[in-house]
């Protein structure tokens, strides 16, 4: 997570702030696990970020992955659908 790096905190500290385990933080960072909206909310509150900031960060990450051709966007019924190469 870029935010963890920006905050200069360890996975242990992030987990403590976000009321979760270090393993969960690690698995999220490495795209090995998904999470729930309530858990995202807890994480955001733990590090003092808003849903708006989260949305902006996800939009930026998606654009970077598209630019790097890691994700290919397809239009389907005017809704974006993405697939991983």
PDB file of N, CA and C in Angstrom:
ATOM      1  N   UNK A   1       0.837  -1.177   0.000  1.00  0.00           N
ATOM      2  CA  UNK A   1       0.000   0.000   0.000  1.00  0.00           C
ATOM      3  C   UNK A   1       0.879   1.235   0.000  1.00  0.00           C
ATOM      4  N   UNK A   2       0.599   2.089  -0.913  1.00  0.00           N
ATOM      5  CA  UNK A   2       1.375   3.328  -0.993  1.00  0.00           C
ATOM      6  C   UNK A   2       1.219   4.171   0.256  1.00  0.00           C
ATOM      7  N   UNK A   3       0.022   4.163   0.818  1.00  0.00           N
ATOM      8  CA  UNK A   3      -0.195   4.994   1.996  1.00  0.00           C
ATOM      9  C   UNK A   3       0.665   4.538   3.157  1.00  0.00           C
ATOM     10  N   UNK A   4       0.841   3.246   3.324  1.00  0.00           N
ATOM     11  CA  UNK A   4       1.672   2.751   4.418  1.00  0.00           C
ATOM     12  C   UNK A   4       3.097   3.231   4.235  1.00  0.00           C
ATOM     13  N   UNK A   5       3.581   3.174   3.005  1.00  0.00           N
ATOM     14  CA  UNK A   5       4.939   3.656   2.713  1.00  0.00           C
ATOM     15  C   UNK A   5       5.044   5.159   2.967  1.00  0.00           C
ATOM     16  N   UNK A   6       4.023   5.897   2.540  1.00  0.00           N
ATOM     17  CA  UNK A   6       4.027   7.351   2.758  1.00  0.00           C
ATOM     18  C   UNK A   6       4.014   7.707   4.244  1.00  0.00           C
ATOM     19  N   UNK A   7       3.352   6.879   5.040  1.00  0.00           N
ATOM     20  CA  UNK A   7       3.279   7.118   6.480  1.00  0.00           C
ATOM     21  C   UNK A   7       4.519   6.602   7.215  1.00  0.00           C
ATOM     22  N   UNK A   8       5.368   5.871   6.492  1.00  0.00           N
ATOM     23  CA  UNK A   8       6.593   5.300   7.072  1.00  0.00           C
ATOM     24  C   UNK A   8       6.282   4.423   8.281  1.00  0.00           C
ATOM     25  N   UNK A   9       5.306   3.529   8.088  1.00  0.00           N
ATOM     26  CA  UNK A   9       4.958   2.620   9.175  1.00  0.00           C
ATOM     27  C   UNK A   9       5.075   1.175   8.705  1.00  0.00           C
ATOM     28  N   UNK A  10       5.324   0.294   9.636  1.00  0.00           N
ATOM     29  CA  UNK A  10       5.453  -1.133   9.339  1.00  0.00           C
ATOM     30  C   UNK A  10       4.071  -1.757   9.151  1.00  0.00           C
ATOM     31  N   UNK A  11       4.064  -2.976   8.625  1.00  0.00           N
ATOM     32  CA  UNK A  11       2.804  -3.698   8.515  1.00  0.00           C
ATOM     33  C   UNK A  11       2.206  -3.931   9.903  1.00  0.00           C
ATOM     34  N   UNK A  12       3.057  -4.171  10.894  1.00  0.00           N
ATOM     35  CA  UNK A  12       2.563  -4.364  12.256  1.00  0.00           C
ATOM     36  C   UNK A  12       1.856  -3.109  12.768  1.00  0.00           C
ATOM     37  N   UNK A  13       2.457  -1.940  12.550  1.00  0.00           N
ATOM     38  CA  UNK A  13       1.859  -0.677  12.991  1.00  0.00           C
ATOM     39  C   UNK A  13       0.561  -0.415  12.236  1.00  0.00           C
ATOM     40  N   UNK A  14       0.569  -0.653  10.930  1.00  0.00           N
ATOM     41  CA  UNK A  14      -0.634  -0.470  10.111  1.00  0.00           C
ATOM     42  C   UNK A  14      -1.750  -1.376  10.629  1.00  0.00           C
ATOM     43  N   UNK A  15      -1.421  -2.624  10.896  1.00  0.00           N
ATOM     44  CA  UNK A  15      -2.415  -3.566  11.410  1.00  0.00           C
ATOM     45  C   UNK A  15      -2.983  -3.087  12.741  1.00  0.00           C
ATOM     46  N   UNK A  16      -2.111  -2.583  13.607  1.00  0.00           N
ATOM     47  CA  UNK A  16      -2.548  -2.080  14.905  1.00  0.00           C
ATOM     48  C   UNK A  16      -3.489  -0.882  14.736  1.00  0.00           C
ATOM     49  N   UNK A  17      -3.125   0.048  13.883  1.00  0.00           N
ATOM     50  CA  UNK A  17      -3.961   1.231  13.633  1.00  0.00           C
ATOM     51  C   UNK A  17      -5.317   0.858  13.041  1.00  0.00           C
ATOM     52  N   UNK A  18      -5.330  -0.204  12.250  1.00  0.00           N
ATOM     53  CA  UNK A  18      -6.524  -0.572  11.486  1.00  0.00           C
ATOM     54  C   UNK A  18      -7.307  -1.732  12.095  1.00  0.00           C
ATOM     55  N   UNK A  19      -6.937  -2.137  13.298  1.00  0.00           N
ATOM     56  CA  UNK A  19      -7.644  -3.207  14.005  1.00  0.00           C
ATOM     57  C   UNK A  19      -7.752  -4.484  13.173  1.00  0.00           C
ATOM     58  N   UNK A  20      -6.624  -4.883  12.598  1.00  0.00           N
ATOM     59  CA  UNK A  20      -6.577  -6.111  11.814  1.00  0.00           C
ATOM     60  C   UNK A  20      -5.227  -6.778  12.056  1.00  0.00           C
ATOM     61  N   UNK A  21      -4.972  -7.857  11.352  1.00  0.00           N
ATOM     62  CA  UNK A  21      -3.703  -8.563  11.542  1.00  0.00           C
ATOM     63  C   UNK A  21      -2.664  -8.106  10.520  1.00  0.00           C
ATOM     64  N   UNK A  22      -1.410  -8.304  10.860  1.00  0.00           N
ATOM     65  CA  UNK A  22      -0.333  -7.996   9.933  1.00  0.00           C
ATOM     66  C   UNK A  22      -0.463  -8.878   8.696  1.00  0.00           C
ATOM     67  N   UNK A  23      -0.881 -10.120   8.895  1.00  0.00           N
ATOM     68  CA  UNK A  23      -1.064 -11.036   7.770  1.00  0.00           C
ATOM     69  C   UNK A  23      -2.111 -10.497   6.803  1.00  0.00           C
ATOM     70  N   UNK A  24      -3.195  -9.960   7.329  1.00  0.00           N
ATOM     71  CA  UNK A  24      -4.247  -9.405   6.467  1.00  0.00           C
ATOM     72  C   UNK A  24      -3.704  -8.223   5.659  1.00  0.00           C
ATOM     73  N   UNK A  25      -2.950  -7.348   6.301  1.00  0.00           N
ATOM     74  CA  UNK A  25      -2.347  -6.207   5.598  1.00  0.00           C
ATOM     75  C   UNK A  25      -1.421  -6.713   4.499  1.00  0.00           C
ATOM     76  N   UNK A  26      -0.586  -7.685   4.822  1.00  0.00           N
ATOM     77  CA  UNK A  26       0.346  -8.242   3.837  1.00  0.00           C
ATOM     78  C   UNK A  26      -0.398  -8.845   2.653  1.00  0.00           C
ATOM     79  N   UNK A  27      -1.434  -9.618   2.942  1.00  0.00           N
ATOM     80  CA  UNK A  27      -2.188 -10.270   1.862  1.00  0.00           C
ATOM     81  C   UNK A  27      -2.921  -9.240   0.997  1.00  0.00           C
ATOM     82  N   UNK A  28      -3.413  -8.166   1.591  1.00  0.00           N
ATOM     83  CA  UNK A  28      -4.042  -7.099   0.804  1.00  0.00           C
ATOM     84  C   UNK A  28      -3.014  -6.420  -0.092  1.00  0.00           C
ATOM     85  N   UNK A  29      -1.855  -6.109   0.471  1.00  0.00           N
ATOM     86  CA  UNK A  29      -0.810  -5.430  -0.292  1.00  0.00           C
ATOM     87  C   UNK A  29      -0.316  -6.266  -1.466  1.00  0.00           C
ATOM     88  N   UNK A  30      -0.364  -7.579  -1.314  1.00  0.00           N
ATOM     89  CA  UNK A  30       0.134  -8.474  -2.356  1.00  0.00           C
ATOM     90  C   UNK A  30      -0.976  -9.076  -3.208  1.00  0.00           C
ATOM     91  N   UNK A  31      -2.177  -8.503  -3.086  1.00  0.00           N
ATOM     92  CA  UNK A  31      -3.342  -8.948  -3.873  1.00  0.00           C
ATOM     93  C   UNK A  31      -3.609 -10.439  -3.706  1.00  0.00           C
ATOM     94  N   UNK A  32      -3.405 -10.938  -2.510  1.00  0.00           N
ATOM     95  CA  UNK A  32      -3.642 -12.349  -2.218  1.00  0.00           C
ATOM     96  C   UNK A  32      -4.966 -12.560  -1.497  1.00  0.00           C
ATOM     97  N   UNK A  33      -5.635 -11.469  -1.157  1.00  0.00           N
ATOM     98  CA  UNK A  33      -6.868 -11.554  -0.387  1.00  0.00           C
ATOM     99  C   UNK A  33      -7.733 -10.342  -0.702  1.00  0.00           C
ATOM    100  N   UNK A  34      -9.026 -10.573  -0.734  1.00  0.00           N
ATOM    101  CA  UNK A  34      -9.951  -9.450  -0.889  1.00  0.00           C
ATOM    102  C   UNK A  34     -10.464  -9.079   0.498  1.00  0.00           C
ATOM    103  N   UNK A  35     -11.229  -8.025   0.566  1.00  0.00           N
ATOM    104  CA  UNK A  35     -11.749  -7.580   1.856  1.00  0.00           C
ATOM    105  C   UNK A  35     -13.165  -7.060   1.672  1.00  0.00           C
ATOM    106  N   UNK A  36     -13.752  -6.613   2.743  1.00  0.00           N
ATOM    107  CA  UNK A  36     -15.130  -6.127   2.719  1.00  0.00           C
ATOM    108  C   UNK A  36     -15.155  -4.605   2.842  1.00  0.00           C
ATOM    109  N   UNK A  37     -16.276  -4.019   2.475  1.00  0.00           N
ATOM    110  CA  UNK A  37     -16.415  -2.564   2.614  1.00  0.00           C
ATOM    111  C   UNK A  37     -16.285  -2.118   4.070  1.00  0.00           C
ATOM    112  N   UNK A  38     -16.888  -2.829   5.030  1.00  0.00           N
ATOM    113  CA  UNK A  38     -16.676  -2.411   6.419  1.00  0.00           C
ATOM    114  C   UNK A  38     -15.205  -2.477   6.836  1.00  0.00           C
ATOM    115  N   UNK A  39     -14.466  -3.471   6.352  1.00  0.00           N
ATOM    116  CA  UNK A  39     -13.047  -3.576   6.704  1.00  0.00           C
ATOM    117  C   UNK A  39     -12.258  -2.451   6.046  1.00  0.00           C
ATOM    118  N   UNK A  40     -12.596  -2.108   4.798  1.00  0.00           N
ATOM    119  CA  UNK A  40     -11.941  -0.970   4.143  1.00  0.00           C
ATOM    120  C   UNK A  40     -12.208   0.292   4.955  1.00  0.00           C
ATOM    121  N   UNK A  41     -13.440   0.452   5.424  1.00  0.00           N
ATOM    122  CA  UNK A  41     -13.789   1.619   6.229  1.00  0.00           C
ATOM    123  C   UNK A  41     -12.949   1.671   7.507  1.00  0.00           C
ATOM    124  N   UNK A  42     -12.765   0.528   8.153  1.00  0.00           N
ATOM    125  CA  UNK A  42     -11.946   0.460   9.366  1.00  0.00           C
ATOM    126  C   UNK A  42     -10.501   0.835   9.062  1.00  0.00           C
ATOM    127  N   UNK A  43      -9.984   0.340   7.946  1.00  0.00           N
ATOM    128  CA  UNK A  43      -8.608   0.660   7.545  1.00  0.00           C
ATOM    129  C   UNK A  43      -8.479   2.155   7.264  1.00  0.00           C
ATOM    130  N   UNK A  44      -9.422   2.706   6.504  1.00  0.00           N
ATOM    131  CA  UNK A  44      -9.381   4.138   6.193  1.00  0.00           C
ATOM    132  C   UNK A  44      -9.419   4.982   7.463  1.00  0.00           C
ATOM    133  N   UNK A  45     -10.303   4.623   8.375  1.00  0.00           N
ATOM    134  CA  UNK A  45     -10.379   5.358   9.646  1.00  0.00           C
ATOM    135  C   UNK A  45      -9.080   5.230  10.427  1.00  0.00           C
ATOM    136  N   UNK A  46      -8.483   4.044  10.403  1.00  0.00           N
ATOM    137  CA  UNK A  46      -7.247   3.800  11.141  1.00  0.00           C
ATOM    138  C   UNK A  46      -6.086   4.660  10.683  1.00  0.00           C
ATOM    139  N   UNK A  47      -6.057   4.962   9.389  1.00  0.00           N
ATOM    140  CA  UNK A  47      -4.939   5.764   8.864  1.00  0.00           C
ATOM    141  C   UNK A  47      -5.363   7.190   8.504  1.00  0.00           C
ATOM    142  N   UNK A  48      -6.584   7.542   8.884  1.00  0.00           N
ATOM    143  CA  UNK A  48      -7.039   8.920   8.690  1.00  0.00           C
ATOM    144  C   UNK A  48      -7.299   9.304   7.245  1.00  0.00           C
ATOM    145  N   UNK A  49      -7.754   8.354   6.444  1.00  0.00           N
ATOM    146  CA  UNK A  49      -8.075   8.632   5.040  1.00  0.00           C
ATOM    147  C   UNK A  49      -9.580   8.562   4.829  1.00  0.00           C
ATOM    148  N   UNK A  50     -10.053   9.247   3.798  1.00  0.00           N
ATOM    149  CA  UNK A  50     -11.483   9.277   3.478  1.00  0.00           C
ATOM    150  C   UNK A  50     -11.791   8.337   2.317  1.00  0.00           C
ATOM    151  N   UNK A  51     -13.087   8.081   2.131  1.00  0.00           N
ATOM    152  CA  UNK A  51     -13.509   7.277   0.986  1.00  0.00           C
ATOM    153  C   UNK A  51     -13.173   7.998  -0.324  1.00  0.00           C
ATOM    154  N   UNK A  52     -13.223   9.313  -0.315  1.00  0.00           N
ATOM    155  CA  UNK A  52     -12.856  10.080  -1.510  1.00  0.00           C
ATOM    156  C   UNK A  52     -11.394   9.840  -1.852  1.00  0.00           C
ATOM    157  N   UNK A  53     -10.529   9.903  -0.853  1.00  0.00           N
ATOM    158  CA  UNK A  53      -9.103   9.646  -1.088  1.00  0.00           C
ATOM    159  C   UNK A  53      -8.881   8.213  -1.567  1.00  0.00           C
ATOM    160  N   UNK A  54      -9.637   7.277  -1.005  1.00  0.00           N
ATOM    161  CA  UNK A  54      -9.535   5.880  -1.429  1.00  0.00           C
ATOM    162  C   UNK A  54      -9.927   5.746  -2.900  1.00  0.00           C
ATOM    163  N   UNK A  55     -11.047   6.364  -3.277  1.00  0.00           N
ATOM    164  CA  UNK A  55     -11.493   6.309  -4.667  1.00  0.00           C
ATOM    165  C   UNK A  55     -10.483   6.919  -5.618  1.00  0.00           C
ATOM    166  N   UNK A  56      -9.913   8.042  -5.228  1.00  0.00           N
ATOM    167  CA  UNK A  56      -8.895   8.693  -6.066  1.00  0.00           C
ATOM    168  C   UNK A  56      -7.658   7.809  -6.204  1.00  0.00           C
ATOM    169  N   UNK A  57      -7.258   7.156  -5.113  1.00  0.00           N
ATOM    170  CA  UNK A  57      -6.091   6.269  -5.156  1.00  0.00           C
ATOM    171  C   UNK A  57      -6.360   5.057  -6.041  1.00  0.00           C
ATOM    172  N   UNK A  58      -7.568   4.504  -5.967  1.00  0.00           N
ATOM    173  CA  UNK A  58      -7.910   3.350  -6.798  1.00  0.00           C
ATOM    174  C   UNK A  58      -7.966   3.746  -8.271  1.00  0.00           C
ATOM    175  N   UNK A  59      -8.515   4.932  -8.555  1.00  0.00           N
ATOM    176  CA  UNK A  59      -8.573   5.427  -9.930  1.00  0.00           C
ATOM    177  C   UNK A  59      -7.163   5.603 -10.494  1.00  0.00           C
ATOM    178  N   UNK A  60      -6.280   6.182  -9.700  1.00  0.00           N
ATOM    179  CA  UNK A  60      -4.894   6.385 -10.130  1.00  0.00           C
ATOM    180  C   UNK A  60      -4.200   5.045 -10.374  1.00  0.00           C
ATOM    181  N   UNK A  61      -4.392   4.094  -9.464  1.00  0.00           N
ATOM    182  CA  UNK A  61      -3.763   2.777  -9.610  1.00  0.00           C
ATOM    183  C   UNK A  61      -4.274   2.069 -10.859  1.00  0.00           C
ATOM    184  N   UNK A  62      -5.569   2.167 -11.117  1.00  0.00           N
ATOM    185  CA  UNK A  62      -6.144   1.540 -12.304  1.00  0.00           C
ATOM    186  C   UNK A  62      -5.567   2.155 -13.571  1.00  0.00           C
ATOM    187  N   UNK A  63      -5.475   3.476 -13.612  1.00  0.00           N
ATOM    188  CA  UNK A  63      -4.908   4.154 -14.783  1.00  0.00           C
ATOM    189  C   UNK A  63      -3.453   3.758 -14.999  1.00  0.00           C
ATOM    190  N   UNK A  64      -2.693   3.621 -13.916  1.00  0.00           N
ATOM    191  CA  UNK A  64      -1.293   3.209 -14.040  1.00  0.00           C
ATOM    192  C   UNK A  64      -1.191   1.786 -14.581  1.00  0.00           C
ATOM    193  N   UNK A  65      -2.072   0.901 -14.127  1.00  0.00           N
ATOM    194  CA  UNK A  65      -2.043  -0.477 -14.603  1.00  0.00           C
ATOM    195  C   UNK A  65      -2.473  -0.567 -16.059  1.00  0.00           C
ATOM    196  N   UNK A  66      -3.444   0.241 -16.449  1.00  0.00           N
ATOM    197  CA  UNK A  66      -3.862   0.270 -17.856  1.00  0.00           C
ATOM    198  C   UNK A  66      -2.712   0.783 -18.715  1.00  0.00           C
ATOM    199  N   UNK A  67      -2.059   1.853 -18.261  1.00  0.00           N
ATOM    200  CA  UNK A  67      -0.935   2.424 -19.015  1.00  0.00           C
ATOM    201  C   UNK A  67       0.207   1.420 -19.145  1.00  0.00           C
ATOM    202  N   UNK A  68       0.412   0.615 -18.118  1.00  0.00           N
ATOM    203  CA  UNK A  68       1.478  -0.391 -18.148  1.00  0.00           C
ATOM    204  C   UNK A  68       1.010  -1.673 -18.836  1.00  0.00           C
ATOM    205  N   UNK A  69      -0.212  -1.639 -19.336  1.00  0.00           N
ATOM    206  CA  UNK A  69      -0.818  -2.769 -20.035  1.00  0.00           C
ATOM    207  C   UNK A  69      -0.911  -4.016 -19.161  1.00  0.00           C
ATOM    208  N   UNK A  70      -1.070  -3.794 -17.846  1.00  0.00           N
ATOM    209  CA  UNK A  70      -1.291  -4.909 -16.933  1.00  0.00           C
ATOM    210  C   UNK A  70      -2.774  -5.263 -16.882  1.00  0.00           C
ATOM    211  N   UNK A  71      -3.606  -4.282 -17.212  1.00  0.00           N
ATOM    212  CA  UNK A  71      -5.055  -4.477 -17.237  1.00  0.00           C
ATOM    213  C   UNK A  71      -5.574  -3.933 -18.555  1.00  0.00           C
ATOM    214  N   UNK A  72      -6.496  -4.641 -19.143  1.00  0.00           N
ATOM    215  CA  UNK A  72      -7.098  -4.214 -20.399  1.00  0.00           C
ATOM    216  C   UNK A  72      -8.563  -3.886 -20.132  1.00  0.00           C
ATOM    217  N   UNK A  73      -8.971  -2.665 -20.420  1.00  0.00           N
ATOM    218  CA  UNK A  73     -10.358  -2.263 -20.219  1.00  0.00           C
ATOM    219  C   UNK A  73     -11.172  -2.569 -21.465  1.00  0.00           C
ATOM    220  N   UNK A  74     -12.378  -3.058 -21.248  1.00  0.00           N
ATOM    221  CA  UNK A  74     -13.285  -3.355 -22.349  1.00  0.00           C
ATOM    222  C   UNK A  74     -14.617  -2.679 -22.058  1.00  0.00           C
ATOM    223  N   UNK A  75     -15.233  -2.125 -23.081  1.00  0.00           N
ATOM    224  CA  UNK A  75     -16.551  -1.521 -22.913  1.00  0.00           C
ATOM    225  C   UNK A  75     -17.609  -2.596 -23.109  1.00  0.00           C
ATOM    226  N   UNK A  76     -18.551  -2.663 -22.198  1.00  0.00           N
ATOM    227  CA  UNK A  76     -19.652  -3.610 -22.312  1.00  0.00           C
ATOM    228  C   UNK A  76     -20.899  -2.934 -21.763  1.00  0.00           C
ATOM    229  N   UNK A  77     -21.851  -2.683 -22.630  1.00  0.00           N
ATOM    230  CA  UNK A  77     -23.087  -2.017 -22.234  1.00  0.00           C
ATOM    231  C   UNK A  77     -22.807  -0.733 -21.463  1.00  0.00           C
ATOM    232  N   UNK A  78     -21.849   0.041 -21.953  1.00  0.00           N
ATOM    233  CA  UNK A  78     -21.475   1.323 -21.355  1.00  0.00           C
ATOM    234  C   UNK A  78     -20.958   1.213 -19.924  1.00  0.00           C
ATOM    235  N   UNK A  79     -20.515   0.026 -19.541  1.00  0.00           N
ATOM    236  CA  UNK A  79     -19.940  -0.168 -18.211  1.00  0.00           C
ATOM    237  C   UNK A  79     -18.512  -0.677 -18.380  1.00  0.00           C
ATOM    238  N   UNK A  80     -17.569  -0.123 -17.621  1.00  0.00           N
ATOM    239  CA  UNK A  80     -16.199  -0.619 -17.742  1.00  0.00           C
ATOM    240  C   UNK A  80     -16.058  -2.002 -17.113  1.00  0.00           C
ATOM    241  N   UNK A  81     -15.433  -2.872 -17.840  1.00  0.00           N
ATOM    242  CA  UNK A  81     -15.098  -4.198 -17.327  1.00  0.00           C
ATOM    243  C   UNK A  81     -13.625  -4.378 -17.582  1.00  0.00           C
ATOM    244  N   UNK A  82     -12.881  -4.787 -16.578  1.00  0.00           N
ATOM    245  CA  UNK A  82     -11.454  -4.933 -16.765  1.00  0.00           C
ATOM    246  C   UNK A  82     -11.054  -6.383 -16.588  1.00  0.00           C
ATOM    247  N   UNK A  83      -9.996  -6.723 -17.253  1.00  0.00           N
ATOM    248  CA  UNK A  83      -9.457  -8.072 -17.141  1.00  0.00           C
ATOM    249  C   UNK A  83      -7.957  -7.975 -16.981  1.00  0.00           C
ATOM    250  N   UNK A  84      -7.400  -8.924 -16.284  1.00  0.00           N
ATOM    251  CA  UNK A  84      -5.960  -8.962 -16.078  1.00  0.00           C
ATOM    252  C   UNK A  84      -5.353  -9.787 -17.189  1.00  0.00           C
ATOM    253  N   UNK A  85      -4.255  -9.270 -17.765  1.00  0.00           N
ATOM    254  CA  UNK A  85      -3.578  -9.995 -18.841  1.00  0.00           C
ATOM    255  C   UNK A  85      -2.953 -11.252 -18.319  1.00  0.00           C
TER     256      UNK A  85
END
